[in-house]
N, C-alpha and C. Protein backbone atom coordinates (compact mmCIF):
# COMPACT_ATOMS: atom_id res chain seq x y z
N MET A 1 -4.34 -7.63 -12.75
CA MET A 1 -3.03 -7.42 -12.73
C MET A 1 -2.56 -8.59 -14.07
N ASP A 2 -2.45 -8.83 -15.12
CA ASP A 2 -2.09 -9.87 -15.89
C ASP A 2 -0.59 -9.43 -16.17
N ASN A 3 -0.13 -7.97 -16.55
CA ASN A 3 1.26 -7.64 -16.75
C ASN A 3 2.22 -7.25 -15.98
N VAL A 4 1.94 -7.59 -14.36
CA VAL A 4 3.04 -7.07 -13.46
C VAL A 4 3.43 -8.26 -13.06
N THR A 5 4.97 -7.50 -13.44
CA THR A 5 5.88 -8.53 -12.64
C THR A 5 6.80 -8.12 -11.18
N VAL A 6 6.46 -8.68 -10.22
CA VAL A 6 6.78 -8.25 -9.16
C VAL A 6 8.61 -9.01 -8.67
N LEU A 7 9.55 -7.98 -8.52
CA LEU A 7 11.01 -8.34 -8.69
C LEU A 7 11.20 -8.25 -6.93
N ARG A 8 10.97 -9.29 -6.42
CA ARG A 8 11.56 -9.63 -5.09
C ARG A 8 12.81 -10.35 -5.28
N ASN A 9 13.75 -9.56 -5.11
CA ASN A 9 15.32 -10.27 -4.82
C ASN A 9 15.31 -10.96 -6.36
N ASP A 10 15.04 -10.13 -7.55
CA ASP A 10 14.94 -10.69 -9.09
C ASP A 10 15.18 -9.38 -10.09
N PHE A 11 15.67 -9.56 -11.11
CA PHE A 11 15.53 -8.80 -12.27
C PHE A 11 14.94 -8.95 -13.62
N THR A 12 14.55 -7.94 -14.34
CA THR A 12 13.77 -8.11 -15.60
C THR A 12 14.93 -7.27 -16.72
N ILE A 13 15.20 -7.65 -17.86
CA ILE A 13 15.90 -6.79 -18.54
C ILE A 13 14.43 -6.33 -19.76
N ILE A 14 14.65 -4.87 -20.02
CA ILE A 14 13.70 -4.35 -20.71
C ILE A 14 14.53 -3.87 -21.93
N SER A 15 13.89 -4.07 -23.00
CA SER A 15 14.80 -3.99 -24.44
C SER A 15 14.01 -3.06 -25.41
N ARG A 16 14.13 -2.15 -26.23
CA ARG A 16 13.57 -1.47 -27.28
C ARG A 16 15.04 -1.14 -28.13
N GLY A 17 14.69 -1.49 -29.60
CA GLY A 17 15.77 -1.45 -30.13
C GLY A 17 17.04 -2.00 -29.94
N ASN A 18 18.32 -1.38 -29.77
CA ASN A 18 19.48 -1.65 -29.09
C ASN A 18 19.84 -1.36 -28.02
N CYS A 19 18.77 -0.55 -27.02
CA CYS A 19 18.82 -0.31 -25.90
C CYS A 19 18.56 -1.13 -24.73
N SER A 20 19.20 -1.66 -23.78
CA SER A 20 18.66 -2.89 -22.86
C SER A 20 18.94 -1.92 -21.48
N ILE A 21 17.82 -1.76 -20.43
CA ILE A 21 17.92 -1.43 -19.09
C ILE A 21 17.51 -3.01 -18.66
N VAL A 22 18.27 -2.95 -17.03
CA VAL A 22 18.02 -3.86 -16.22
C VAL A 22 17.40 -3.55 -15.23
N PHE A 23 16.14 -3.71 -14.69
CA PHE A 23 15.50 -3.67 -13.57
C PHE A 23 15.73 -4.64 -12.64
N ALA A 24 16.24 -4.13 -11.45
CA ALA A 24 16.43 -5.25 -10.35
C ALA A 24 15.60 -4.66 -9.22
N GLY A 25 14.72 -5.58 -8.30
CA GLY A 25 14.15 -5.43 -7.54
C GLY A 25 14.53 -6.17 -6.02
N VAL A 26 14.86 -5.30 -4.88
CA VAL A 26 14.62 -6.17 -3.95
C VAL A 26 13.81 -5.98 -2.73
N ASP A 27 13.75 -7.25 -1.84
CA ASP A 27 12.45 -7.10 -1.08
C ASP A 27 12.95 -5.99 0.09
N ASP A 28 12.34 -5.76 1.16
CA ASP A 28 12.38 -4.69 2.00
C ASP A 28 13.97 -4.92 2.56
N PRO A 29 14.48 -3.99 2.50
CA PRO A 29 15.98 -3.89 3.32
C PRO A 29 15.98 -4.17 4.82
N TYR A 30 14.76 -3.15 4.92
CA TYR A 30 14.66 -2.31 6.61
C TYR A 30 14.45 -3.53 7.00
N ALA A 31 13.38 -4.50 6.63
CA ALA A 31 13.10 -5.66 7.45
C ALA A 31 14.48 -7.25 7.42
N GLY A 32 15.25 -6.83 6.69
CA GLY A 32 16.33 -7.73 6.36
C GLY A 32 16.16 -8.69 5.23
N ARG A 33 14.92 -8.62 4.65
CA ARG A 33 14.92 -9.60 3.38
C ARG A 33 15.35 -9.33 2.06
N ASP A 34 16.33 -8.29 2.20
CA ASP A 34 16.63 -8.23 0.47
C ASP A 34 18.02 -8.64 0.49
N ASP A 35 17.91 -9.19 -0.87
CA ASP A 35 19.04 -10.19 -1.46
C ASP A 35 19.21 -9.64 -2.78
N LEU A 36 20.71 -8.72 -2.47
CA LEU A 36 21.00 -7.98 -3.54
C LEU A 36 21.95 -8.87 -4.29
N TYR A 37 22.48 -9.53 -3.99
CA TYR A 37 23.40 -10.84 -4.56
C TYR A 37 22.45 -11.76 -5.84
N LYS A 38 21.31 -11.88 -4.88
CA LYS A 38 20.03 -12.99 -6.07
C LYS A 38 19.61 -11.86 -6.89
N ALA A 39 19.22 -10.82 -6.45
CA ALA A 39 18.80 -9.68 -7.50
C ALA A 39 19.51 -9.53 -8.83
N LEU A 40 20.83 -9.30 -8.27
CA LEU A 40 21.53 -9.29 -9.74
C LEU A 40 22.40 -10.37 -10.58
N TYR A 41 22.17 -11.91 -9.61
CA TYR A 41 22.77 -12.74 -10.44
C TYR A 41 22.52 -13.17 -11.51
N GLY A 42 23.27 -13.36 -12.59
CA GLY A 42 22.81 -13.25 -14.30
C GLY A 42 22.78 -11.96 -15.10
N VAL A 43 22.80 -10.79 -14.39
CA VAL A 43 22.51 -9.91 -15.38
C VAL A 43 23.87 -9.31 -16.04
N PRO A 44 23.30 -9.38 -17.08
CA PRO A 44 24.58 -9.46 -18.23
C PRO A 44 25.54 -8.14 -17.95
N ARG A 45 26.94 -8.34 -17.86
CA ARG A 45 28.08 -6.92 -17.78
C ARG A 45 27.52 -6.10 -18.76
N ASN A 46 27.75 -4.20 -18.34
CA ASN A 46 27.95 -3.17 -19.23
C ASN A 46 26.09 -3.12 -19.43
N TYR A 47 25.22 -3.65 -18.51
CA TYR A 47 23.94 -3.00 -18.96
C TYR A 47 23.72 -1.78 -17.78
N PHE A 48 22.52 -0.85 -18.07
CA PHE A 48 22.40 0.15 -17.13
C PHE A 48 21.55 -0.82 -15.88
N ILE A 49 21.56 -0.48 -14.62
CA ILE A 49 20.76 -0.99 -13.83
C ILE A 49 19.86 -0.25 -12.96
N VAL A 50 18.85 -0.46 -12.91
CA VAL A 50 18.24 0.35 -12.20
C VAL A 50 17.53 -0.46 -10.64
N LEU A 51 17.98 0.00 -9.64
CA LEU A 51 17.50 -0.68 -8.51
C LEU A 51 16.19 -0.16 -7.69
N ILE A 52 15.63 -1.04 -7.57
CA ILE A 52 14.24 -0.51 -7.32
C ILE A 52 14.27 -1.14 -5.48
N ALA A 53 14.02 -0.18 -4.60
CA ALA A 53 13.77 -0.75 -3.10
C ALA A 53 13.10 -0.14 -2.18
N HIS A 54 12.45 -0.94 -1.46
CA HIS A 54 11.45 -0.18 -0.78
C HIS A 54 12.00 1.02 0.23
N SER A 55 13.35 0.34 0.65
CA SER A 55 13.98 1.74 1.61
C SER A 55 15.34 1.87 1.49
N PRO A 56 15.95 2.92 1.31
CA PRO A 56 17.10 3.67 1.00
C PRO A 56 18.18 2.78 1.94
N GLN A 57 18.00 2.10 2.53
CA GLN A 57 18.83 1.29 3.72
C GLN A 57 19.94 0.37 2.83
N ILE A 58 19.52 0.22 1.72
CA ILE A 58 20.32 -0.57 0.48
C ILE A 58 21.29 0.11 0.07
N ILE A 59 21.95 1.26 0.28
CA ILE A 59 22.64 2.32 -0.67
C ILE A 59 24.15 1.32 -0.25
N ASP A 60 24.58 0.97 0.89
CA ASP A 60 25.68 0.73 1.18
C ASP A 60 26.09 -0.77 0.25
N LYS A 61 25.05 -1.93 0.19
CA LYS A 61 25.13 -3.03 -0.17
C LYS A 61 25.29 -2.51 -1.96
N ALA A 62 24.53 -1.52 -2.41
CA ALA A 62 24.58 -1.44 -3.81
C ALA A 62 25.69 -0.49 -4.10
N LYS A 63 25.96 0.30 -3.49
CA LYS A 63 27.19 0.90 -3.87
C LYS A 63 27.86 0.33 -4.74
N GLY A 64 28.31 0.78 -6.34
CA GLY A 64 29.32 0.30 -7.63
C GLY A 64 28.58 -0.82 -8.26
N LYS A 65 27.47 -1.30 -7.72
CA LYS A 65 27.19 -2.42 -8.28
C LYS A 65 25.95 -2.12 -9.40
N VAL A 66 25.31 -0.53 -8.83
CA VAL A 66 24.00 -0.18 -9.96
C VAL A 66 24.05 1.05 -9.96
N ASN A 67 23.52 1.62 -11.30
CA ASN A 67 23.81 2.73 -11.69
C ASN A 67 22.98 3.81 -10.96
N ILE A 68 21.68 3.22 -10.70
CA ILE A 68 20.85 4.41 -10.19
C ILE A 68 19.86 3.47 -8.96
N ILE A 69 19.60 4.04 -8.10
CA ILE A 69 18.45 3.71 -6.86
C ILE A 69 17.33 4.37 -6.65
N LEU A 70 16.08 3.85 -6.80
CA LEU A 70 14.70 4.26 -6.77
C LEU A 70 14.14 3.54 -5.66
N SER A 71 13.88 4.65 -4.56
CA SER A 71 13.48 3.58 -3.18
C SER A 71 12.26 4.90 -2.54
N GLY A 72 11.63 4.79 -1.89
CA GLY A 72 10.72 5.26 -0.73
C GLY A 72 11.31 5.64 0.63
N HIS A 73 10.16 5.11 1.48
CA HIS A 73 10.57 4.97 2.85
C HIS A 73 11.35 5.87 3.74
N THR A 74 10.95 7.35 3.32
CA THR A 74 11.87 8.16 3.78
C THR A 74 11.23 9.02 4.94
N HIS A 75 9.72 8.74 5.38
CA HIS A 75 9.49 9.02 6.11
C HIS A 75 9.23 10.62 6.85
N GLY A 76 9.43 11.18 5.78
CA GLY A 76 9.62 12.87 6.12
C GLY A 76 10.86 13.40 5.86
N GLY A 77 11.53 12.58 5.33
CA GLY A 77 12.98 13.15 4.44
C GLY A 77 12.80 14.30 3.19
N GLN A 78 11.24 13.76 2.95
CA GLN A 78 11.18 14.82 1.69
C GLN A 78 10.51 16.08 1.73
N ILE A 79 10.68 16.64 3.04
CA ILE A 79 10.37 17.87 3.92
C ILE A 79 11.64 18.15 4.51
N VAL A 80 12.46 19.33 3.23
CA VAL A 80 13.48 20.00 3.88
C VAL A 80 13.45 21.65 4.17
N ILE A 81 13.85 21.82 5.26
CA ILE A 81 13.69 23.12 5.98
C ILE A 81 14.95 23.94 5.47
N PRO A 82 14.99 25.00 4.83
CA PRO A 82 16.25 25.81 4.15
C PRO A 82 17.14 26.15 5.36
N PHE A 83 18.58 26.13 5.22
CA PHE A 83 19.34 25.94 6.16
C PHE A 83 19.26 25.02 7.25
N TYR A 84 18.42 24.46 7.35
CA TYR A 84 18.27 23.41 8.66
C TYR A 84 18.76 21.59 8.15
N GLY A 85 17.79 21.53 6.85
CA GLY A 85 17.91 20.08 6.36
C GLY A 85 16.53 19.46 6.21
N PRO A 86 16.65 18.38 5.98
CA PRO A 86 15.54 17.46 6.33
C PRO A 86 15.06 17.08 7.51
N VAL A 87 13.75 17.21 7.81
CA VAL A 87 12.80 16.70 9.28
C VAL A 87 13.52 15.58 9.79
N MET A 88 13.47 14.65 9.04
CA MET A 88 13.74 13.48 9.54
C MET A 88 14.07 12.23 8.17
N VAL A 89 15.55 11.78 8.38
CA VAL A 89 15.83 11.19 7.82
C VAL A 89 15.83 9.46 8.21
N PRO A 90 15.50 8.43 7.67
CA PRO A 90 16.31 7.00 8.50
C PRO A 90 17.45 6.31 8.36
N LEU A 91 18.71 7.43 7.90
CA LEU A 91 20.05 6.95 7.42
C LEU A 91 20.76 7.81 8.05
N PRO A 92 21.88 7.12 8.35
CA PRO A 92 23.12 7.74 9.28
C PRO A 92 23.55 8.88 7.93
N ARG A 93 24.10 10.21 8.65
CA ARG A 93 24.33 11.23 7.94
C ARG A 93 25.61 10.84 7.25
N GLY A 94 25.51 11.76 5.62
CA GLY A 94 26.55 11.14 4.96
C GLY A 94 26.48 10.06 3.82
N VAL A 95 25.38 9.30 4.12
CA VAL A 95 24.85 8.25 3.22
C VAL A 95 24.15 8.77 2.22
């Protein structure tokens, strides 16, 4: 795995032509090891920012600071029963 970059409270910029996207990664928010400030420190203004996090519990901290969040750790939230909702989502309702 020579070309793998682990983004643990860090970011990288991928550029193709005149398009640049920031990929920022935080350590596990569920375990309290995330540091969004550190992950975004030095990101150029006006870049599109993709935040990658193991747990969606980063949502409140990241709101208004990133353009999109990619996360997992839903443990059943992928299963949605019509007229009932998700079987289990580890976040407060409304988030």
